[in-house]
C-alpha atoms as a PDB file:
ATOM      1  CA  MET A   1     -21.619  -9.869   2.550  1.00  0.00           C
ATOM      2  CA  ILE A   2     -17.874 -10.947   3.674  1.00  0.00           C
ATOM      3  CA  LEU A   3     -15.899  -8.415   1.608  1.00  0.00           C
ATOM      4  CA  SER A   4     -15.476  -4.839   0.551  1.00  0.00           C
ATOM      5  CA  ILE A   5     -12.787  -3.887  -1.726  1.00  0.00           C
ATOM      6  CA  ILE A   6     -11.896  -0.362  -1.768  1.00  0.00           C
ATOM      7  CA  ILE A   7      -9.891   1.575  -4.328  1.00  0.00           C
ATOM      8  CA  CYS A   8      -8.830   4.904  -3.984  1.00  0.00           C
ATOM      9  CA  SER A   9      -8.136   6.621  -7.163  1.00  0.00           C
ATOM     10  CA  TYR A  10      -6.149   9.836  -8.012  1.00  0.00           C
ATOM     11  CA  ASN A  11      -5.321  10.502 -11.831  1.00  0.00           C
ATOM     12  CA  ARG A  12      -5.030   6.958 -12.939  1.00  0.00           C
ATOM     13  CA  ALA A  13      -7.397   6.813 -15.512  1.00  0.00           C
ATOM     14  CA  ASN A  14      -5.053   4.957 -17.867  1.00  0.00           C
ATOM     15  CA  TYR A  15      -4.862   2.060 -15.291  1.00  0.00           C
ATOM     16  CA  ILE A  16      -8.276   1.918 -13.306  1.00  0.00           C
ATOM     17  CA  SER A  17     -10.343  -0.025 -15.872  1.00  0.00           C
ATOM     18  CA  GLY A  18      -7.162  -2.763 -15.560  1.00  0.00           C
ATOM     19  CA  ALA A  19      -7.546  -3.042 -11.679  1.00  0.00           C
ATOM     20  CA  LEU A  20     -11.485  -3.182 -12.237  1.00  0.00           C
ATOM     21  CA  ASP A  21     -11.188  -5.794 -14.895  1.00  0.00           C
ATOM     22  CA  SER A  22      -8.867  -7.945 -12.597  1.00  0.00           C
ATOM     23  CA  LEU A  23     -11.598  -7.802  -9.959  1.00  0.00           C
ATOM     24  CA  TYR A  24     -14.623  -8.207 -12.413  1.00  0.00           C
ATOM     25  CA  GLN A  25     -12.920 -11.561 -13.624  1.00  0.00           C
ATOM     26  CA  GLN A  26     -12.435 -13.190 -10.171  1.00  0.00           C
ATOM     27  CA  SER A  27     -12.846 -17.008  -9.794  1.00  0.00           C
ATOM     28  CA  ALA A  28     -14.883 -16.238  -6.504  1.00  0.00           C
ATOM     29  CA  GLY A  29     -17.618 -14.942  -8.421  1.00  0.00           C
ATOM     30  CA  LEU A  30     -19.003 -11.380  -8.146  1.00  0.00           C
ATOM     31  CA  ASP A  31     -21.712 -12.219  -5.516  1.00  0.00           C
ATOM     32  CA  ASN A  32     -19.104 -12.681  -2.963  1.00  0.00           C
ATOM     33  CA  PHE A  33     -17.770  -9.001  -2.861  1.00  0.00           C
ATOM     34  CA  GLU A  34     -18.328  -5.349  -3.567  1.00  0.00           C
ATOM     35  CA  VAL A  35     -15.962  -2.724  -5.025  1.00  0.00           C
ATOM     36  CA  LEU A  36     -16.044   0.616  -3.985  1.00  0.00           C
ATOM     37  CA  VAL A  37     -13.960   3.377  -6.157  1.00  0.00           C
ATOM     38  CA  ILE A  38     -13.198   6.461  -4.379  1.00  0.00           C
ATOM     39  CA  ASP A  39     -12.046   9.166  -6.772  1.00  0.00           C
ATOM     40  CA  ASN A  40      -9.696  11.504  -4.684  1.00  0.00           C
ATOM     41  CA  ASN A  41     -10.155  14.657  -6.788  1.00  0.00           C
ATOM     42  CA  SER A  42      -8.852  13.410 -10.107  1.00  0.00           C
ATOM     43  CA  THR A  43      -8.181  16.127 -12.690  1.00  0.00           C
ATOM     44  CA  ASP A  44      -7.935  13.668 -15.657  1.00  0.00           C
ATOM     45  CA  ASN A  45     -10.939  11.428 -17.087  1.00  0.00           C
ATOM     46  CA  THR A  46     -11.120   8.957 -14.541  1.00  0.00           C
ATOM     47  CA  LEU A  47     -15.071   9.172 -14.127  1.00  0.00           C
ATOM     48  CA  GLU A  48     -15.336   8.840 -17.817  1.00  0.00           C
ATOM     49  CA  VAL A  49     -13.326   5.659 -17.942  1.00  0.00           C
ATOM     50  CA  TYR A  50     -15.056   4.306 -15.215  1.00  0.00           C
ATOM     51  CA  ASN A  51     -18.540   4.929 -16.500  1.00  0.00           C
ATOM     52  CA  GLN A  52     -17.588   3.419 -19.866  1.00  0.00           C
ATOM     53  CA  TRP A  53     -16.226   0.417 -17.956  1.00  0.00           C
ATOM     54  CA  ARG A  54     -19.239  -0.095 -16.067  1.00  0.00           C
ATOM     55  CA  LEU A  55     -21.342   0.252 -19.142  1.00  0.00           C
ATOM     56  CA  ALA A  56     -19.484  -2.809 -20.460  1.00  0.00           C
ATOM     57  CA  ASN A  57     -19.316  -4.733 -17.397  1.00  0.00           C
ATOM     58  CA  PRO A  58     -23.070  -4.315 -15.915  1.00  0.00           C
ATOM     59  CA  ASN A  59     -22.637  -7.120 -13.286  1.00  0.00           C
ATOM     60  CA  GLY A  60     -21.645  -7.290  -9.699  1.00  0.00           C
ATOM     61  CA  GLN A  61     -21.675  -4.808  -7.093  1.00  0.00           C
ATOM     62  CA  PHE A  62     -19.365  -1.604  -8.133  1.00  0.00           C
ATOM     63  CA  THR A  63     -19.723   1.896  -6.657  1.00  0.00           C
ATOM     64  CA  PHE A  64     -18.253   4.907  -7.682  1.00  0.00           C
ATOM     65  CA  THR A  65     -17.936   8.055  -5.516  1.00  0.00           C
ATOM     66  CA  SER A  66     -15.653  10.767  -4.406  1.00  0.00           C
ATOM     67  CA  GLU A  67     -13.792  12.195  -1.507  1.00  0.00           C
ATOM     68  CA  GLN A  68     -12.900  15.976  -1.577  1.00  0.00           C
ATOM     69  CA  GLN A  69     -10.591  15.840   1.154  1.00  0.00           C
ATOM     70  CA  GLN A  70      -7.121  15.272  -0.520  1.00  0.00           C
ATOM     71  CA  GLY A  71      -5.017  12.045   0.781  1.00  0.00           C
ATOM     72  CA  ALA A  72      -5.437   8.140   0.836  1.00  0.00           C
ATOM     73  CA  SER A  73      -6.338   8.215   4.365  1.00  0.00           C
ATOM     74  CA  PHE A  74      -9.568  10.296   3.793  1.00  0.00           C
ATOM     75  CA  ALA A  75     -10.612   8.446   0.716  1.00  0.00           C
ATOM     76  CA  ARG A  76     -10.004   5.134   2.353  1.00  0.00           C
ATOM     77  CA  ASN A  77     -11.860   5.985   5.200  1.00  0.00           C
ATOM     78  CA  LYS A  78     -14.791   7.239   2.998  1.00  0.00           C
ATOM     79  CA  GLY A  79     -14.964   3.921   1.446  1.00  0.00           C
ATOM     80  CA  ALA A  80     -14.736   2.015   4.837  1.00  0.00           C
ATOM     81  CA  SER A  81     -17.759   4.177   5.753  1.00  0.00           C
ATOM     82  CA  MET A  82     -19.614   3.071   2.826  1.00  0.00           C
ATOM     83  CA  ALA A  83     -18.491  -0.547   2.837  1.00  0.00           C
ATOM     84  CA  LYS A  84     -21.369  -3.275   3.381  1.00  0.00           C
ATOM     85  CA  GLY A  85     -18.781  -6.076   4.169  1.00  0.00           C
ATOM     86  CA  ASP A  86     -17.450  -7.518   7.333  1.00  0.00           C
ATOM     87  CA  TRP A  87     -14.126  -7.137   5.998  1.00  0.00           C
ATOM     88  CA  LEU A  88     -12.241  -4.402   4.164  1.00  0.00           C
ATOM     89  CA  CYS A  89      -9.838  -5.088   1.418  1.00  0.00           C
ATOM     90  CA  PHE A  90      -7.665  -1.960   0.255  1.00  0.00           C
ATOM     91  CA  MET A  91      -6.203  -2.135  -3.261  1.00  0.00           C
ATOM     92  CA  ASP A  92      -4.475   0.533  -5.491  1.00  0.00           C
ATOM     93  CA  ASP A  93      -6.061   1.886  -8.673  1.00  0.00           C
ATOM     94  CA  ASP A  94      -2.889   0.731 -10.607  1.00  0.00           C
ATOM     95  CA  ALA A  95      -2.824  -2.669  -9.130  1.00  0.00           C
ATOM     96  CA  VAL A  96      -4.052  -5.859 -11.013  1.00  0.00           C
ATOM     97  CA  ALA A  97      -5.477  -8.591  -8.568  1.00  0.00           C
ATOM     98  CA  THR A  98      -4.457 -12.324  -9.574  1.00  0.00           C
ATOM     99  CA  ASN A  99      -7.453 -14.491 -10.683  1.00  0.00           C
ATOM    100  CA  HIS A 100      -7.962 -16.280  -7.515  1.00  0.00           C
ATOM    101  CA  TYR A 101      -7.234 -13.093  -4.901  1.00  0.00           C
ATOM    102  CA  VAL A 102     -10.802 -12.830  -3.697  1.00  0.00           C
ATOM    103  CA  GLU A 103     -11.073 -16.694  -3.247  1.00  0.00           C
ATOM    104  CA  ASN A 104      -8.019 -16.727  -1.360  1.00  0.00           C
ATOM    105  CA  ILE A 105      -8.924 -13.889   0.750  1.00  0.00           C
ATOM    106  CA  ILE A 106     -12.234 -15.428   1.812  1.00  0.00           C
ATOM    107  CA  ARG A 107     -10.241 -18.543   2.226  1.00  0.00           C
ATOM    108  CA  HIS A 108      -7.910 -16.876   4.749  1.00  0.00           C
ATOM    109  CA  ILE A 109     -10.848 -15.189   6.740  1.00  0.00           C
ATOM    110  CA  GLN A 110     -12.363 -18.703   6.869  1.00  0.00           C
ATOM    111  CA  THR A 111      -9.440 -20.716   8.232  1.00  0.00           C
ATOM    112  CA  LYS A 112      -8.038 -18.099  10.676  1.00  0.00           C
ATOM    113  CA  PRO A 113     -10.766 -16.820  12.368  1.00  0.00           C
ATOM    114  CA  GLU A 114      -8.675 -15.280  14.943  1.00  0.00           C
ATOM    115  CA  ALA A 115      -7.126 -12.815  12.332  1.00  0.00           C
ATOM    116  CA  LEU A 116      -8.240  -9.335  12.421  1.00  0.00           C
ATOM    117  CA  GLY A 117      -5.753  -8.097   9.766  1.00  0.00           C
ATOM    118  CA  PHE A 118      -3.581  -9.701   6.908  1.00  0.00           C
ATOM    119  CA  GLY A 119      -1.989  -8.734   3.693  1.00  0.00           C
ATOM    120  CA  GLY A 120      -0.292 -10.229   0.554  1.00  0.00           C
ATOM    121  CA  ARG A 121       2.308 -10.458  -1.832  1.00  0.00           C
ATOM    122  CA  ILE A 122       2.757  -7.233  -4.332  1.00  0.00           C
ATOM    123  CA  ILE A 123       4.830  -8.041  -7.444  1.00  0.00           C
ATOM    124  CA  PRO A 124       6.108  -4.794  -9.353  1.00  0.00           C
ATOM    125  CA  LYS A 125       4.958  -4.744 -12.992  1.00  0.00           C
ATOM    126  CA  TYR A 126       7.723  -2.561 -14.537  1.00  0.00           C
ATOM    127  CA  ILE A 127       6.791  -0.528 -17.871  1.00  0.00           C
ATOM    128  CA  PRO A 128       8.958  -1.357 -19.897  1.00  0.00           C
ATOM    129  CA  THR A 129      11.284  -3.294 -17.720  1.00  0.00           C
ATOM    130  CA  GLU A 130      12.964  -3.003 -14.242  1.00  0.00           C
ATOM    131  CA  PRO A 131      15.690  -0.459 -14.343  1.00  0.00           C
ATOM    132  CA  LYS A 132      19.315  -1.751 -13.839  1.00  0.00           C
ATOM    133  CA  TRP A 133      19.843   0.434 -10.738  1.00  0.00           C
ATOM    134  CA  MET A 134      16.778  -1.053  -9.113  1.00  0.00           C
ATOM    135  CA  SER A 135      17.528  -3.411  -6.120  1.00  0.00           C
ATOM    136  CA  HIS A 136      15.686  -5.308  -3.357  1.00  0.00           C
ATOM    137  CA  TYR A 137      16.360  -2.569  -0.725  1.00  0.00           C
ATOM    138  CA  VAL A 138      14.978   0.199  -3.058  1.00  0.00           C
ATOM    139  CA  SER A 139      12.206  -1.892  -4.543  1.00  0.00           C
ATOM    140  CA  SER A 140       9.858  -1.320  -1.586  1.00  0.00           C
ATOM    141  CA  LEU A 141       9.723   2.175  -2.575  1.00  0.00           C
ATOM    142  CA  VAL A 142       7.891   1.127  -5.716  1.00  0.00           C
ATOM    143  CA  GLY A 143       5.578  -1.232  -3.725  1.00  0.00           C
ATOM    144  CA  ASN A 144       7.437  -4.360  -4.288  1.00  0.00           C
ATOM    145  CA  PHE A 145       6.328  -6.847  -1.199  1.00  0.00           C
ATOM    146  CA  ASP A 146       7.381 -10.502  -0.667  1.00  0.00           C
ATOM    147  CA  TYR A 147       7.712 -11.158   3.205  1.00  0.00           C
ATOM    148  CA  ALA A 148       7.826 -15.078   3.136  1.00  0.00           C
ATOM    149  CA  PRO A 149       7.309 -18.048   0.672  1.00  0.00           C
ATOM    150  CA  THR A 150       4.467 -19.206   2.540  1.00  0.00           C
ATOM    151  CA  ALA A 151       1.697 -18.009   4.773  1.00  0.00           C
ATOM    152  CA  CYS A 152       2.842 -17.073   8.251  1.00  0.00           C
ATOM    153  CA  ALA A 153       2.201 -14.233  10.953  1.00  0.00           C
ATOM    154  CA  PHE A 154       4.397 -11.054  10.710  1.00  0.00           C
ATOM    155  CA  ALA A 155       7.191 -10.696  13.110  1.00  0.00           C
ATOM    156  CA  ASN A 156       9.689  -7.897  14.279  1.00  0.00           C
ATOM    157  CA  GLY A 157       7.216  -5.236  13.623  1.00  0.00           C
ATOM    158  CA  LYS A 158       6.725  -5.890   9.939  1.00  0.00           C
ATOM    159  CA  TYR A 159       3.152  -5.170   8.520  1.00  0.00           C
ATOM    160  CA  PRO A 160       1.263  -5.391   5.323  1.00  0.00           C
ATOM    161  CA  LEU A 161       1.923  -2.514   2.513  1.00  0.00           C
ATOM    162  CA  GLU A 162      -1.307  -0.360   1.972  1.00  0.00           C
ATOM    163  CA  SER A 163      -2.024  -1.482  -1.753  1.00  0.00           C
ATOM    164  CA  ASN A 164      -2.766  -5.056  -0.671  1.00  0.00           C
ATOM    165  CA  MET A 165      -4.032  -5.313   2.605  1.00  0.00           C
ATOM    166  CA  ILE A 166      -7.265  -6.631   4.456  1.00  0.00           C
ATOM    167  CA  VAL A 167      -8.674  -5.436   7.877  1.00  0.00           C
ATOM    168  CA  GLN A 168     -11.667  -6.772   9.809  1.00  0.00           C
ATOM    169  CA  LYS A 169     -14.148  -3.882   9.870  1.00  0.00           C
ATOM    170  CA  GLY A 170     -15.059  -4.092  13.627  1.00  0.00           C
ATOM    171  CA  ILE A 171     -11.449  -3.472  14.707  1.00  0.00           C
ATOM    172  CA  TYR A 172     -10.857  -0.684  12.012  1.00  0.00           C
ATOM    173  CA  GLN A 173     -13.873   1.213  13.413  1.00  0.00           C
ATOM    174  CA  GLN A 174     -12.606   0.412  16.886  1.00  0.00           C
ATOM    175  CA  ILE A 175      -9.302   2.110  16.277  1.00  0.00           C
ATOM    176  CA  GLY A 176     -10.690   5.048  14.262  1.00  0.00           C
ATOM    177  CA  GLY A 177      -9.495   3.904  10.610  1.00  0.00           C
ATOM    178  CA  PHE A 178      -6.881   5.683   9.028  1.00  0.00           C
ATOM    179  CA  ASN A 179      -5.039   8.593  10.912  1.00  0.00           C
ATOM    180  CA  THR A 180      -5.678  11.464   8.653  1.00  0.00           C
ATOM    181  CA  ALA A 181      -2.528  13.221  10.146  1.00  0.00           C
ATOM    182  CA  LEU A 182      -0.801  10.472   7.731  1.00  0.00           C
ATOM    183  CA  PRO A 183      -2.953  11.299   4.622  1.00  0.00           C
ATOM    184  CA  GLY A 184      -0.351   9.850   2.262  1.00  0.00           C
ATOM    185  CA  VAL A 185      -0.056  12.130  -1.081  1.00  0.00           C
ATOM    186  CA  VAL A 186      -1.431  15.705  -0.968  1.00  0.00           C
ATOM    187  CA  GLY A 187      -0.262  17.661  -4.096  1.00  0.00           C
ATOM    188  CA  THR A 188       3.218  17.280  -4.293  1.00  0.00           C
ATOM    189  CA  LEU A 189       3.672  16.477  -0.415  1.00  0.00           C
ATOM    190  CA  ARG A 190       3.814  12.991   0.774  1.00  0.00           C
ATOM    191  CA  ILE A 191       3.195  11.994   4.513  1.00  0.00           C
ATOM    192  CA  GLY A 192       3.361   8.415   4.623  1.00  0.00           C
ATOM    193  CA  GLY A 193       2.937   5.509   7.362  1.00  0.00           C
ATOM    194  CA  GLU A 194      -0.574   5.393   7.414  1.00  0.00           C
ATOM    195  CA  GLY A 195      -0.974   1.601   7.036  1.00  0.00           C
ATOM    196  CA  LYS A 196       1.791   0.879   9.447  1.00  0.00           C
ATOM    197  CA  GLU A 197       0.172   2.779  12.315  1.00  0.00           C
ATOM    198  CA  LEU A 198      -3.123   1.146  11.546  1.00  0.00           C
ATOM    199  CA  PHE A 199      -1.552  -2.072  11.942  1.00  0.00           C
ATOM    200  CA  TYR A 200       0.759  -1.244  14.871  1.00  0.00           C
ATOM    201  CA  LYS A 201      -2.562  -0.098  16.688  1.00  0.00           C
ATOM    202  CA  ILE A 202      -4.238  -3.506  15.883  1.00  0.00           C
ATOM    203  CA  ILE A 203      -1.022  -5.259  17.203  1.00  0.00           C
ATOM    204  CA  ALA A 204      -0.811  -2.920  20.343  1.00  0.00           C
ATOM    205  CA  LEU A 205      -4.257  -4.147  21.270  1.00  0.00           C
ATOM    206  CA  GLY A 206      -2.684  -8.097  21.462  1.00  0.00           C
ATOM    207  CA  HIS A 207      -3.757  -9.186  17.747  1.00  0.00           C
ATOM    208  CA  THR A 208      -1.556 -11.029  15.443  1.00  0.00           C
ATOM    209  CA  ILE A 209      -1.252  -9.871  11.616  1.00  0.00           C
ATOM    210  CA  TYR A 210      -0.724 -12.338   9.023  1.00  0.00           C
ATOM    211  CA  TYR A 211       0.780 -12.584   5.634  1.00  0.00           C
ATOM    212  CA  ASP A 212      -0.283 -14.966   2.848  1.00  0.00           C
ATOM    213  CA  PRO A 213       1.660 -14.912  -0.482  1.00  0.00           C
ATOM    214  CA  ALA A 214      -1.526 -16.359  -2.277  1.00  0.00           C
ATOM    215  CA  ILE A 215      -3.242 -13.177  -2.014  1.00  0.00           C
ATOM    216  CA  CYS A 216      -1.427 -11.346  -4.748  1.00  0.00           C
ATOM    217  CA  VAL A 217      -1.503  -8.262  -6.733  1.00  0.00           C
ATOM    218  CA  HIS A 218       0.739  -6.938  -9.732  1.00  0.00           C
ATOM    219  CA  HIS A 219       1.639  -3.246  -9.043  1.00  0.00           C
ATOM    220  CA  VAL A 220       2.306  -1.076 -12.254  1.00  0.00           C
ATOM    221  CA  VAL A 221       5.485   0.948 -12.230  1.00  0.00           C
ATOM    222  CA  GLU A 222       6.117   3.323 -15.073  1.00  0.00           C
ATOM    223  CA  VAL A 223       9.991   3.592 -15.231  1.00  0.00           C
ATOM    224  CA  LYS A 224       9.825   6.858 -16.984  1.00  0.00           C
ATOM    225  CA  LYS A 225       8.255   8.280 -13.543  1.00  0.00           C
ATOM    226  CA  LEU A 226      11.144   6.877 -11.507  1.00  0.00           C
ATOM    227  CA  THR A 227      12.994  10.080 -11.358  1.00  0.00           C
ATOM    228  CA  SER A 228      15.100  11.280  -8.407  1.00  0.00           C
ATOM    229  CA  GLU A 229      12.596  13.688  -7.739  1.00  0.00           C
ATOM    230  CA  TYR A 230       9.814  10.816  -7.418  1.00  0.00           C
ATOM    231  CA  MET A 231      12.138   8.734  -5.273  1.00  0.00           C
ATOM    232  CA  TYR A 232      12.876  11.457  -2.994  1.00  0.00           C
ATOM    233  CA  ARG A 233       9.360  12.386  -2.495  1.00  0.00           C
ATOM    234  CA  VAL A 234       8.297   8.671  -1.482  1.00  0.00           C
ATOM    235  CA  ALA A 235      11.432   8.296   0.591  1.00  0.00           C
ATOM    236  CA  SER A 236      10.909  11.517   2.413  1.00  0.00           C
ATOM    237  CA  GLY A 237       7.262  10.925   2.757  1.00  0.00           C
ATOM    238  CA  ILE A 238       8.220   7.946   4.977  1.00  0.00           C
ATOM    239  CA  GLY A 239      10.049  10.031   7.082  1.00  0.00           C
ATOM    240  CA  ARG A 240       7.690  12.788   7.602  1.00  0.00           C
ATOM    241  CA  GLY A 241       5.545   9.977   8.592  1.00  0.00           C
ATOM    242  CA  GLU A 242       7.680   8.532  11.135  1.00  0.00           C
ATOM    243  CA  LYS A 243       7.981  11.865  12.518  1.00  0.00           C
ATOM    244  CA  THR A 244       4.213  12.583  12.727  1.00  0.00           C
ATOM    245  CA  ARG A 245       3.675   9.079  14.254  1.00  0.00           C
ATOM    246  CA  THR A 246       6.635   8.998  16.882  1.00  0.00           C
ATOM    247  CA  LEU A 247       5.864  12.679  17.921  1.00  0.00           C
ATOM    248  CA  ALA A 248       2.322  11.618  18.710  1.00  0.00           C
ATOM    249  CA  ILE A 249       3.889   8.821  21.073  1.00  0.00           C
ATOM    250  CA  SER A 250       6.578  10.836  22.688  1.00  0.00           C
ATOM    251  CA  LYS A 251       9.739  12.994  22.159  1.00  0.00           C
ATOM    252  CA  GLY A 252      11.679   9.845  23.152  1.00  0.00           C
ATOM    253  CA  ALA A 253      10.383   7.802  20.566  1.00  0.00           C
ATOM    254  CA  TYR A 254      11.058  10.199  17.786  1.00  0.00           C
ATOM    255  CA  TYR A 255      14.559  10.689  19.105  1.00  0.00           C
ATOM    256  CA  SER A 256      15.058   6.736  18.953  1.00  0.00           C
ATOM    257  CA  LYS A 257      13.626   6.801  15.507  1.00  0.00           C
ATOM    258  CA  ILE A 258      16.247   9.210  14.397  1.00  0.00           C
ATOM    259  CA  VAL A 259      18.907   7.229  15.810  1.00  0.00           C
ATOM    260  CA  GLU A 260      17.445   4.220  13.801  1.00  0.00           C
ATOM    261  CA  TYR A 261      17.579   5.961  10.793  1.00  0.00           C
ATOM    262  CA  ILE A 262      21.337   7.110  11.109  1.00  0.00           C
ATOM    263  CA  PHE A 263      22.222   3.326  11.903  1.00  0.00           C
ATOM    264  CA  LYS A 264      20.435   2.605   8.732  1.00  0.00           C
ATOM    265  CA  LEU A 265      22.178   4.997   6.693  1.00  0.00           C
ATOM    266  CA  GLY A 266      25.377   3.467   8.087  1.00  0.00           C
ATOM    267  CA  ALA A 267      24.267   0.242   6.793  1.00  0.00           C
ATOM    268  CA  SER A 268      23.114   1.486   3.467  1.00  0.00           C
ATOM    269  CA  ILE A 269      26.525   2.612   2.912  1.00  0.00           C
ATOM    270  CA  ILE A 270      27.960  -0.812   3.677  1.00  0.00           C
ATOM    271  CA  LEU A 271      25.614  -2.140   1.229  1.00  0.00           C
ATOM    272  CA  GLY A 272      26.430   0.309  -1.443  1.00  0.00           C
ATOM    273  CA  ILE A 273      29.975  -0.489  -1.024  1.00  0.00           C
ATOM    274  CA  LYS A 274      29.121  -4.172  -1.381  1.00  0.00           C
ATOM    275  CA  TYR A 275      27.146  -3.665  -4.617  1.00  0.00           C
ATOM    276  CA  ALA A 276      30.140  -1.824  -6.149  1.00  0.00           C
ATOM    277  CA  LEU A 277      32.529  -4.639  -5.265  1.00  0.00           C
ATOM    278  CA  GLN A 278      29.973  -7.120  -7.034  1.00  0.00           C
ATOM    279  CA  PHE A 279      30.305  -5.110 -10.231  1.00  0.00           C
ATOM    280  CA  THR A 280      26.651  -3.627  -9.986  1.00  0.00           C
ATOM    281  CA  PRO A 281      27.887  -0.066  -9.061  1.00  0.00           C
ATOM    282  CA  SER A 282      24.508   1.309 -10.519  1.00  0.00           C
ATOM    283  CA  LYS A 283      22.707  -0.135  -7.694  1.00  0.00           C
ATOM    284  CA  SER A 284      24.965   1.419  -4.880  1.00  0.00           C
ATOM    285  CA  TRP A 285      24.086   5.105  -4.680  1.00  0.00           C
ATOM    286  CA  PRO A 286      20.212   4.550  -4.834  1.00  0.00           C
ATOM    287  CA  VAL A 287      20.274   2.342  -1.882  1.00  0.00           C
ATOM    288  CA  ILE A 288      22.343   5.297  -0.096  1.00  0.00           C
ATOM    289  CA  GLN A 289      20.101   8.046  -1.338  1.00  0.00           C
ATOM    290  CA  PHE A 290      17.093   6.223  -0.213  1.00  0.00           C
ATOM    291  CA  ARG A 291      18.182   6.403   3.461  1.00  0.00           C
ATOM    292  CA  ILE A 292      19.530   9.877   3.275  1.00  0.00           C
ATOM    293  CA  ASP A 293      16.029  11.039   1.813  1.00  0.00           C
ATOM    294  CA  THR A 294      14.268   8.889   4.599  1.00  0.00           C
ATOM    295  CA  LEU A 295      16.221  10.880   7.355  1.00  0.00           C
ATOM    296  CA  LYS A 296      15.891  14.229   5.681  1.00  0.00           C
ATOM    297  CA  GLY A 297      11.878  13.692   5.976  1.00  0.00           C
ATOM    298  CA  LEU A 298      12.270  12.488   9.510  1.00  0.00           C
ATOM    299  CA  LEU A 299      14.346  15.751  10.473  1.00  0.00           C
END
């Protein structure tokens, strides 16, 4: 088998069937991949929803299991340990794959045999609509990712986002999978950057990471949940993850990251002024707040 698609789920009973539907209806056909749903201690009716969905959709290779250790890194590693495919695809439980998603992944694997890791486009699906204060610079916090208009190699330290990334199983095992010191969400605490570290390890071995916008998912974003507390949790989680990652390298790497984040805060202030001058003041403060919150997490 070429491909194993791993979906880690935590209290997304309202959306998991949409993610599964999008995979069940793939143009590639169900014989070309398997899907592993890893429930990470959900307290809602995720299991019931899955069982009802599976009863109505009995074909293909779909497996549901659980991981008791809280955190996306633990759940993803559990899925990888069960996977039968030569390639591992990680997709979110509130993402919807486009119809040719699997077909385009397999095409990329076959046409770029040297590639050991790649990712694709993520389009936010705002419910009900995109908030007025949202900008390109803040939308990455809700999964917006559109690196380039055509397929290419990532450059300048860029990498795929966790909700749409594909890794060759052999290299995944070689680098030890996801670092569980960067677990993602644990309760109300977020320590992110697990995908970044994974790809940086692959790059450090001399490999190139690729991007293909045809490998595309839509990511559900409930606007009612985009509170200041939620945005702080996500942004500060980026900073906490970078603190963990860089301190594992050296104190020098950590101090360099602090300098980088201070510089980015200064740039965000300039950008915020620019938005105000362009008569879109609602976008000004969120850009600045994003960088303040990431710096807080880093410190």
